[in-house]
Structures are given as structure tokens and as C-alpha cells.
N, C-alpha and C. Protein backbone atom coordinates (compact mmCIF):
# COMPACT_ATOMS: atom_id res chain seq x y z
N MET A 1 -51.87 110.94 149.51
CA MET A 1 -51.24 109.64 149.70
C MET A 1 -49.72 109.76 149.66
N GLU A 2 -49.22 110.82 149.01
CA GLU A 2 -47.78 111.02 148.92
C GLU A 2 -47.16 111.23 150.29
N LYS A 3 -47.86 111.94 151.16
CA LYS A 3 -47.36 112.17 152.52
C LYS A 3 -47.29 110.85 153.29
N THR A 4 -48.31 110.03 153.14
CA THR A 4 -48.33 108.72 153.79
C THR A 4 -47.22 107.84 153.25
N ARG A 5 -47.01 107.86 151.95
CA ARG A 5 -45.95 107.07 151.33
C ARG A 5 -44.58 107.47 151.88
N SER A 6 -44.35 108.77 151.98
CA SER A 6 -43.07 109.26 152.51
C SER A 6 -42.88 108.82 153.96
N LYS A 7 -43.95 108.86 154.73
CA LYS A 7 -43.87 108.43 156.13
C LYS A 7 -43.52 106.95 156.21
N PHE A 8 -44.15 106.13 155.39
CA PHE A 8 -43.87 104.69 155.39
C PHE A 8 -42.42 104.40 154.96
N ILE A 9 -41.93 105.14 153.97
CA ILE A 9 -40.55 104.95 153.51
C ILE A 9 -39.56 105.31 154.62
N LEU A 10 -39.84 106.39 155.32
CA LEU A 10 -38.98 106.80 156.43
C LEU A 10 -38.98 105.74 157.54
N ILE A 11 -40.14 105.22 157.87
CA ILE A 11 -40.24 104.19 158.92
C ILE A 11 -39.57 102.90 158.46
N LEU A 12 -39.77 102.51 157.20
CA LEU A 12 -39.10 101.32 156.67
C LEU A 12 -37.59 101.47 156.77
N THR A 13 -37.08 102.62 156.38
CA THR A 13 -35.64 102.86 156.43
C THR A 13 -35.13 102.74 157.86
N ALA A 14 -35.85 103.33 158.80
CA ALA A 14 -35.45 103.25 160.21
C ALA A 14 -35.47 101.81 160.71
N VAL A 15 -36.53 101.07 160.39
CA VAL A 15 -36.64 99.68 160.84
C VAL A 15 -35.51 98.83 160.27
N ILE A 16 -35.23 98.99 158.99
CA ILE A 16 -34.16 98.21 158.35
C ILE A 16 -32.80 98.57 158.95
N LEU A 17 -32.53 99.87 159.13
CA LEU A 17 -31.24 100.29 159.68
C LEU A 17 -31.06 99.82 161.12
N ILE A 18 -32.07 100.01 161.94
CA ILE A 18 -31.98 99.60 163.35
C ILE A 18 -31.82 98.09 163.44
N THR A 19 -32.63 97.36 162.72
CA THR A 19 -32.53 95.90 162.74
C THR A 19 -31.21 95.42 162.16
N GLY A 20 -30.81 96.02 161.05
CA GLY A 20 -29.56 95.62 160.41
C GLY A 20 -28.35 95.83 161.30
N PHE A 21 -28.24 97.05 161.84
CA PHE A 21 -27.10 97.31 162.72
C PHE A 21 -27.18 96.52 164.02
N GLY A 22 -28.40 96.34 164.53
CA GLY A 22 -28.56 95.56 165.76
C GLY A 22 -28.16 94.11 165.59
N VAL A 23 -28.65 93.48 164.54
CA VAL A 23 -28.32 92.07 164.30
C VAL A 23 -26.85 91.93 163.94
N LYS A 24 -26.33 92.85 163.16
CA LYS A 24 -24.90 92.80 162.80
C LYS A 24 -24.03 92.93 164.05
N TYR A 25 -24.38 93.84 164.95
CA TYR A 25 -23.64 94.00 166.20
C TYR A 25 -23.73 92.72 167.04
N LEU A 26 -24.92 92.17 167.13
CA LEU A 26 -25.12 90.94 167.90
C LEU A 26 -24.28 89.80 167.34
N ILE A 27 -24.26 89.67 166.03
CA ILE A 27 -23.50 88.59 165.41
C ILE A 27 -22.00 88.80 165.56
N THR A 28 -21.52 90.02 165.35
CA THR A 28 -20.07 90.23 165.38
C THR A 28 -19.51 90.33 166.79
N GLU A 29 -20.26 90.90 167.72
CA GLU A 29 -19.73 91.12 169.07
C GLU A 29 -20.13 90.02 170.06
N ALA A 30 -21.40 89.69 170.11
CA ALA A 30 -21.86 88.73 171.11
C ALA A 30 -21.75 87.28 170.65
N LEU A 31 -21.96 87.05 169.38
CA LEU A 31 -21.96 85.68 168.86
C LEU A 31 -21.06 85.57 167.62
N PRO A 32 -19.77 85.81 167.76
CA PRO A 32 -18.90 85.81 166.57
C PRO A 32 -18.80 84.44 165.88
N GLN A 33 -19.12 83.38 166.58
CA GLN A 33 -19.07 82.06 165.95
C GLN A 33 -20.18 81.89 164.91
N TYR A 34 -21.19 82.77 164.94
CA TYR A 34 -22.28 82.69 163.96
C TYR A 34 -22.13 83.72 162.84
N SER A 35 -20.99 84.36 162.77
CA SER A 35 -20.73 85.35 161.73
C SER A 35 -20.69 84.68 160.35
N PHE A 36 -21.12 85.41 159.34
CA PHE A 36 -21.13 84.89 157.97
C PHE A 36 -20.98 86.02 156.99
N THR A 37 -20.55 85.68 155.80
CA THR A 37 -20.43 86.68 154.73
C THR A 37 -21.79 86.89 154.09
N GLY A 38 -21.96 88.02 153.51
CA GLY A 38 -23.22 88.28 152.79
C GLY A 38 -24.33 88.81 153.67
N PHE A 39 -24.01 89.26 154.88
CA PHE A 39 -25.06 89.77 155.78
C PHE A 39 -25.77 90.98 155.18
N THR A 40 -25.03 91.85 154.54
CA THR A 40 -25.59 93.09 154.01
C THR A 40 -26.69 92.83 152.98
N SER A 41 -26.64 91.70 152.32
CA SER A 41 -27.66 91.40 151.31
C SER A 41 -29.04 91.21 151.92
N ILE A 42 -29.12 90.79 153.17
CA ILE A 42 -30.43 90.56 153.80
C ILE A 42 -31.18 91.87 154.01
N PRO A 43 -30.59 92.89 154.68
CA PRO A 43 -31.33 94.15 154.81
C PRO A 43 -31.67 94.81 153.47
N VAL A 44 -30.76 94.69 152.50
CA VAL A 44 -31.03 95.27 151.18
C VAL A 44 -32.23 94.57 150.54
N PHE A 45 -32.27 93.25 150.64
CA PHE A 45 -33.39 92.47 150.09
C PHE A 45 -34.72 92.92 150.70
N PHE A 46 -34.76 93.04 152.03
CA PHE A 46 -36.01 93.42 152.68
C PHE A 46 -36.35 94.90 152.47
N PHE A 47 -35.35 95.74 152.27
CA PHE A 47 -35.63 97.14 151.95
C PHE A 47 -36.30 97.23 150.58
N LEU A 48 -35.78 96.49 149.62
CA LEU A 48 -36.38 96.50 148.28
C LEU A 48 -37.80 95.93 148.30
N LEU A 49 -38.01 94.86 149.06
CA LEU A 49 -39.37 94.32 149.20
C LEU A 49 -40.30 95.35 149.83
N GLY A 50 -39.80 96.04 150.84
CA GLY A 50 -40.60 97.05 151.52
C GLY A 50 -40.97 98.20 150.62
N MET A 51 -40.04 98.63 149.79
CA MET A 51 -40.33 99.72 148.85
C MET A 51 -41.42 99.28 147.87
N GLY A 52 -41.31 98.06 147.38
CA GLY A 52 -42.35 97.55 146.49
C GLY A 52 -43.71 97.49 147.17
N LEU A 53 -43.73 97.04 148.40
CA LEU A 53 -44.96 96.97 149.17
C LEU A 53 -45.57 98.35 149.35
N ILE A 54 -44.76 99.30 149.75
CA ILE A 54 -45.26 100.66 150.01
C ILE A 54 -45.80 101.29 148.73
N TYR A 55 -45.05 101.21 147.64
CA TYR A 55 -45.51 101.84 146.40
C TYR A 55 -46.75 101.14 145.84
N THR A 56 -46.85 99.85 146.02
CA THR A 56 -48.02 99.13 145.52
C THR A 56 -49.26 99.45 146.34
N LEU A 57 -49.15 99.38 147.67
CA LEU A 57 -50.33 99.59 148.51
C LEU A 57 -50.78 101.05 148.54
N THR A 58 -49.85 101.98 148.47
CA THR A 58 -50.26 103.39 148.50
C THR A 58 -50.68 103.90 147.13
N GLY A 59 -50.47 103.11 146.09
CA GLY A 59 -50.88 103.51 144.75
C GLY A 59 -52.27 103.04 144.36
N ILE A 60 -52.96 102.37 145.28
CA ILE A 60 -54.29 101.83 144.98
C ILE A 60 -55.34 102.92 145.17
N ASN A 61 -56.37 102.89 144.33
CA ASN A 61 -57.50 103.81 144.46
C ASN A 61 -58.05 103.73 145.88
N SER A 62 -58.25 104.87 146.49
CA SER A 62 -58.60 104.91 147.91
C SER A 62 -60.02 104.46 148.24
N THR A 63 -60.78 104.00 147.28
CA THR A 63 -62.13 103.55 147.58
C THR A 63 -62.35 102.06 147.32
N ASP A 64 -61.37 101.38 146.77
CA ASP A 64 -61.53 99.98 146.39
C ASP A 64 -60.84 99.05 147.40
N GLY A 65 -61.59 98.64 148.42
CA GLY A 65 -61.04 97.79 149.48
C GLY A 65 -60.69 96.39 149.01
N LYS A 66 -61.47 95.83 148.08
CA LYS A 66 -61.19 94.48 147.59
C LYS A 66 -59.86 94.43 146.84
N LYS A 67 -59.58 95.47 146.09
CA LYS A 67 -58.33 95.54 145.34
C LYS A 67 -57.15 95.59 146.30
N LEU A 68 -57.31 96.29 147.42
CA LEU A 68 -56.25 96.38 148.42
C LEU A 68 -55.94 95.01 149.01
N VAL A 69 -56.96 94.27 149.38
CA VAL A 69 -56.76 92.94 149.95
C VAL A 69 -56.11 92.00 148.94
N ASN A 70 -56.59 92.03 147.71
CA ASN A 70 -56.01 91.17 146.67
C ASN A 70 -54.54 91.48 146.42
N LYS A 71 -54.21 92.76 146.31
CA LYS A 71 -52.81 93.13 146.07
C LYS A 71 -51.94 92.76 147.27
N TYR A 72 -52.46 92.95 148.47
CA TYR A 72 -51.70 92.60 149.67
C TYR A 72 -51.40 91.11 149.69
N MET A 73 -52.37 90.29 149.36
CA MET A 73 -52.15 88.84 149.35
C MET A 73 -51.17 88.43 148.25
N VAL A 74 -51.25 89.07 147.10
CA VAL A 74 -50.28 88.79 146.03
C VAL A 74 -48.88 89.18 146.48
N LEU A 75 -48.77 90.31 147.15
CA LEU A 75 -47.46 90.74 147.66
C LEU A 75 -46.91 89.76 148.69
N ARG A 76 -47.77 89.19 149.51
CA ARG A 76 -47.33 88.20 150.49
C ARG A 76 -46.78 86.95 149.80
N VAL A 77 -47.46 86.50 148.77
CA VAL A 77 -46.99 85.33 148.02
C VAL A 77 -45.66 85.64 147.34
N ILE A 78 -45.55 86.83 146.74
CA ILE A 78 -44.30 87.23 146.10
C ILE A 78 -43.18 87.27 147.12
N LYS A 79 -43.47 87.76 148.33
CA LYS A 79 -42.45 87.83 149.37
C LYS A 79 -41.96 86.44 149.75
N VAL A 80 -42.86 85.51 149.93
CA VAL A 80 -42.48 84.14 150.30
C VAL A 80 -41.65 83.51 149.19
N LEU A 81 -42.12 83.60 147.96
CA LEU A 81 -41.40 82.98 146.85
C LEU A 81 -40.04 83.63 146.60
N SER A 82 -39.99 84.94 146.67
CA SER A 82 -38.70 85.61 146.47
C SER A 82 -37.75 85.33 147.63
N GLY A 83 -38.29 85.20 148.83
CA GLY A 83 -37.45 84.83 149.98
C GLY A 83 -36.87 83.44 149.83
N LEU A 84 -37.68 82.51 149.38
CA LEU A 84 -37.17 81.16 149.14
C LEU A 84 -36.12 81.14 148.04
N ALA A 85 -36.36 81.91 146.99
CA ALA A 85 -35.38 81.99 145.90
C ALA A 85 -34.08 82.62 146.39
N PHE A 86 -34.19 83.64 147.22
CA PHE A 86 -33.02 84.31 147.79
C PHE A 86 -32.20 83.34 148.64
N LEU A 87 -32.88 82.57 149.49
CA LEU A 87 -32.19 81.56 150.31
C LEU A 87 -31.55 80.48 149.44
N LEU A 88 -32.25 80.05 148.42
CA LEU A 88 -31.72 79.02 147.53
C LEU A 88 -30.46 79.51 146.80
N ILE A 89 -30.49 80.73 146.34
CA ILE A 89 -29.32 81.29 145.64
C ILE A 89 -28.13 81.37 146.60
N TYR A 90 -28.39 81.84 147.82
CA TYR A 90 -27.29 81.91 148.79
C TYR A 90 -26.76 80.51 149.10
N TRP A 91 -27.66 79.56 149.22
CA TRP A 91 -27.26 78.17 149.51
C TRP A 91 -26.39 77.62 148.38
N LEU A 92 -26.75 77.92 147.15
CA LEU A 92 -25.95 77.46 146.01
C LEU A 92 -24.58 78.13 145.97
N ILE A 93 -24.52 79.37 146.41
CA ILE A 93 -23.25 80.10 146.39
C ILE A 93 -22.36 79.72 147.58
N ASN A 94 -22.96 79.58 148.75
CA ASN A 94 -22.18 79.40 149.97
C ASN A 94 -22.86 78.38 150.88
N LYS A 95 -22.63 77.12 150.66
CA LYS A 95 -23.30 76.06 151.41
C LYS A 95 -22.84 75.99 152.87
N ARG A 96 -21.59 76.38 153.15
CA ARG A 96 -21.07 76.27 154.51
C ARG A 96 -21.82 77.15 155.50
N GLU A 97 -22.22 78.34 155.09
CA GLU A 97 -22.79 79.32 156.01
C GLU A 97 -24.31 79.43 155.92
N ILE A 98 -24.96 78.50 155.29
CA ILE A 98 -26.40 78.63 155.06
C ILE A 98 -27.20 78.65 156.35
N LYS A 99 -26.80 77.90 157.36
CA LYS A 99 -27.56 77.88 158.62
C LYS A 99 -27.56 79.25 159.28
N ASN A 100 -26.40 79.86 159.39
CA ASN A 100 -26.31 81.19 160.01
C ASN A 100 -27.06 82.23 159.19
N PHE A 101 -26.92 82.14 157.88
CA PHE A 101 -27.63 83.05 156.98
C PHE A 101 -29.13 82.88 157.13
N ALA A 102 -29.61 81.64 157.19
CA ALA A 102 -31.04 81.38 157.29
C ALA A 102 -31.61 81.90 158.61
N VAL A 103 -30.87 81.77 159.69
CA VAL A 103 -31.35 82.27 160.98
C VAL A 103 -31.48 83.79 160.94
N ALA A 104 -30.47 84.47 160.42
CA ALA A 104 -30.54 85.93 160.30
C ALA A 104 -31.67 86.34 159.35
N PHE A 105 -31.86 85.59 158.28
CA PHE A 105 -32.93 85.86 157.33
C PHE A 105 -34.30 85.74 158.02
N ILE A 106 -34.47 84.74 158.84
CA ILE A 106 -35.74 84.53 159.54
C ILE A 106 -36.02 85.67 160.52
N VAL A 107 -34.98 86.15 161.19
CA VAL A 107 -35.16 87.29 162.10
C VAL A 107 -35.67 88.50 161.32
N PHE A 108 -35.04 88.79 160.20
CA PHE A 108 -35.49 89.91 159.36
C PHE A 108 -36.90 89.65 158.81
N TYR A 109 -37.17 88.43 158.43
CA TYR A 109 -38.48 88.09 157.88
C TYR A 109 -39.59 88.38 158.90
N MET A 110 -39.36 87.98 160.14
CA MET A 110 -40.38 88.20 161.18
C MET A 110 -40.57 89.69 161.46
N ILE A 111 -39.48 90.43 161.53
CA ILE A 111 -39.60 91.87 161.76
C ILE A 111 -40.29 92.54 160.58
N PHE A 112 -39.95 92.13 159.38
CA PHE A 112 -40.58 92.69 158.19
C PHE A 112 -42.06 92.30 158.12
N LEU A 113 -42.41 91.13 158.59
CA LEU A 113 -43.80 90.70 158.63
C LEU A 113 -44.63 91.65 159.51
N ILE A 114 -44.07 92.01 160.66
CA ILE A 114 -44.75 92.96 161.55
C ILE A 114 -44.89 94.31 160.85
N PHE A 115 -43.83 94.76 160.19
CA PHE A 115 -43.87 96.05 159.49
C PHE A 115 -44.90 96.05 158.37
N GLU A 116 -44.92 95.01 157.55
CA GLU A 116 -45.84 95.02 156.41
C GLU A 116 -47.30 94.91 156.88
N THR A 117 -47.54 94.21 157.97
CA THR A 117 -48.90 94.16 158.52
C THR A 117 -49.32 95.53 159.01
N TRP A 118 -48.42 96.23 159.66
CA TRP A 118 -48.72 97.58 160.14
C TRP A 118 -49.01 98.51 158.96
N VAL A 119 -48.21 98.43 157.90
CA VAL A 119 -48.44 99.27 156.72
C VAL A 119 -49.82 98.98 156.13
N TYR A 120 -50.15 97.70 156.01
CA TYR A 120 -51.46 97.33 155.45
C TYR A 120 -52.59 97.92 156.30
N LEU A 121 -52.48 97.79 157.62
CA LEU A 121 -53.53 98.32 158.50
C LEU A 121 -53.65 99.84 158.39
N GLN A 122 -52.52 100.53 158.26
CA GLN A 122 -52.55 101.99 158.11
C GLN A 122 -53.18 102.40 156.79
N VAL A 123 -52.85 101.70 155.72
CA VAL A 123 -53.44 102.01 154.42
C VAL A 123 -54.94 101.75 154.44
N GLU A 124 -55.34 100.64 155.06
CA GLU A 124 -56.76 100.32 155.16
C GLU A 124 -57.50 101.37 155.99
N LYS A 125 -56.89 101.82 157.07
CA LYS A 125 -57.50 102.85 157.90
C LYS A 125 -57.67 104.15 157.12
N ASN A 126 -56.65 104.52 156.34
CA ASN A 126 -56.75 105.72 155.50
C ASN A 126 -57.84 105.58 154.46
N MET A 127 -57.97 104.38 153.89
CA MET A 127 -59.02 104.15 152.89
C MET A 127 -60.40 104.32 153.51
N LYS A 128 -60.60 103.76 154.70
CA LYS A 128 -61.91 103.89 155.37
C LYS A 128 -62.21 105.35 155.69
N LYS A 129 -61.18 106.08 156.12
CA LYS A 129 -61.37 107.49 156.43
C LYS A 129 -61.74 108.26 155.17
N ASN A 130 -61.09 107.97 154.05
CA ASN A 130 -61.40 108.65 152.79
C ASN A 130 -62.81 108.33 152.31
N VAL A 131 -63.23 107.07 152.47
CA VAL A 131 -64.59 106.69 152.07
C VAL A 131 -65.61 107.42 152.93
N GLU A 132 -65.36 107.51 154.23
CA GLU A 132 -66.29 108.22 155.12
C GLU A 132 -66.37 109.70 154.76
N LEU A 133 -65.23 110.30 154.44
CA LEU A 133 -65.23 111.71 154.04
C LEU A 133 -66.00 111.92 152.75
N LYS A 134 -65.85 111.02 151.78
CA LYS A 134 -66.57 111.13 150.51
C LYS A 134 -68.06 110.94 150.73
N ASN A 135 -68.43 110.03 151.64
CA ASN A 135 -69.85 109.81 151.93
C ASN A 135 -70.44 111.04 152.61
N ASP A 136 -69.69 111.67 153.52
CA ASP A 136 -70.17 112.87 154.19
C ASP A 136 -70.37 114.01 153.19
N VAL A 137 -69.44 114.15 152.26
CA VAL A 137 -69.55 115.21 151.25
C VAL A 137 -70.74 114.95 150.34
N THR A 138 -70.96 113.70 149.97
CA THR A 138 -72.09 113.32 149.12
C THR A 138 -73.41 113.59 149.82
N GLU A 139 -73.48 113.25 151.12
CA GLU A 139 -74.72 113.49 151.88
C GLU A 139 -75.00 114.96 152.04
N ASP A 140 -73.94 115.78 152.21
CA ASP A 140 -74.13 117.22 152.35
C ASP A 140 -74.67 117.83 151.06
N LYS A 141 -74.26 117.32 149.90
CA LYS A 141 -74.73 117.84 148.62
C LYS A 141 -76.18 117.47 148.38
N ALA A 142 -76.64 116.36 148.94
CA ALA A 142 -78.00 115.90 148.68
C ALA A 142 -78.98 116.60 149.53
């Protein structure tokens, strides 16, 4: 599972960097009227969420599918609540730029949603493969 975890971390880093630099370039060069302070906090926030997601999902026993679904749903709720708290804190700090911040946040949220769904599907696929391998080994012994 360590190899899978490393692969997910590498992909998360690439997704965050590409999205971060892409959106930052778009905001500063193509749409400078939508520029705002605090942009860097958005990719950092989603990188930290992604690391938590990866370590939680890849740390689950590879045979317990129900536990995987439960943890994934808990992580989704945590993501929504922490995202709302993050937006609220920014709004309290900087009310003038909240609209631009919220739009950039939503872009990252949607991209991260695609990433976390992909991670979940990959972990589930690995779990099914491990269960099939264990069943094959058990049948061979019998």
C-alpha cells in the first residue's frame, strides 16, 4: 500500500501545482480585475485535505470494504465543513474580495472532487484485487 500511497501523493502534488499555477496565471494575466490576496491559501488548503484523504484511505485494512465507504463519507463531510469554515474565515478577514476568492475556491473544490473520487475508486479496486488474491490462495490451500 506504501507504493500506492506514494503514487497518490505524487499525483495530488501535480494536480495542485498545475491547477494552482494555471488558475493563478489566468487570474493575473487574463482576468486581472478578479485578482485577490490570499490565493496561495487555497491550494495549500486542498493539498492538506488531499494528504489526509490519501493517508486515511490507504491506511484501511485491505479486506474491509464497509470501513472504506464509511471513512470516505466521513472525509467528504469533513471536507464540506472545513471548506465552509475556510470560506467563513476568509470572509471575516477580507470581506471585499470574498466573491473572487469563493469563485477560485469552487474551481479548486470541483477539481479536488474529481481527484478524491478517482483516489477512492483506485483504493477500492486495489481492495477487490487483494480480496481476490487472498481467496485464490485460500482455495489453493484447500
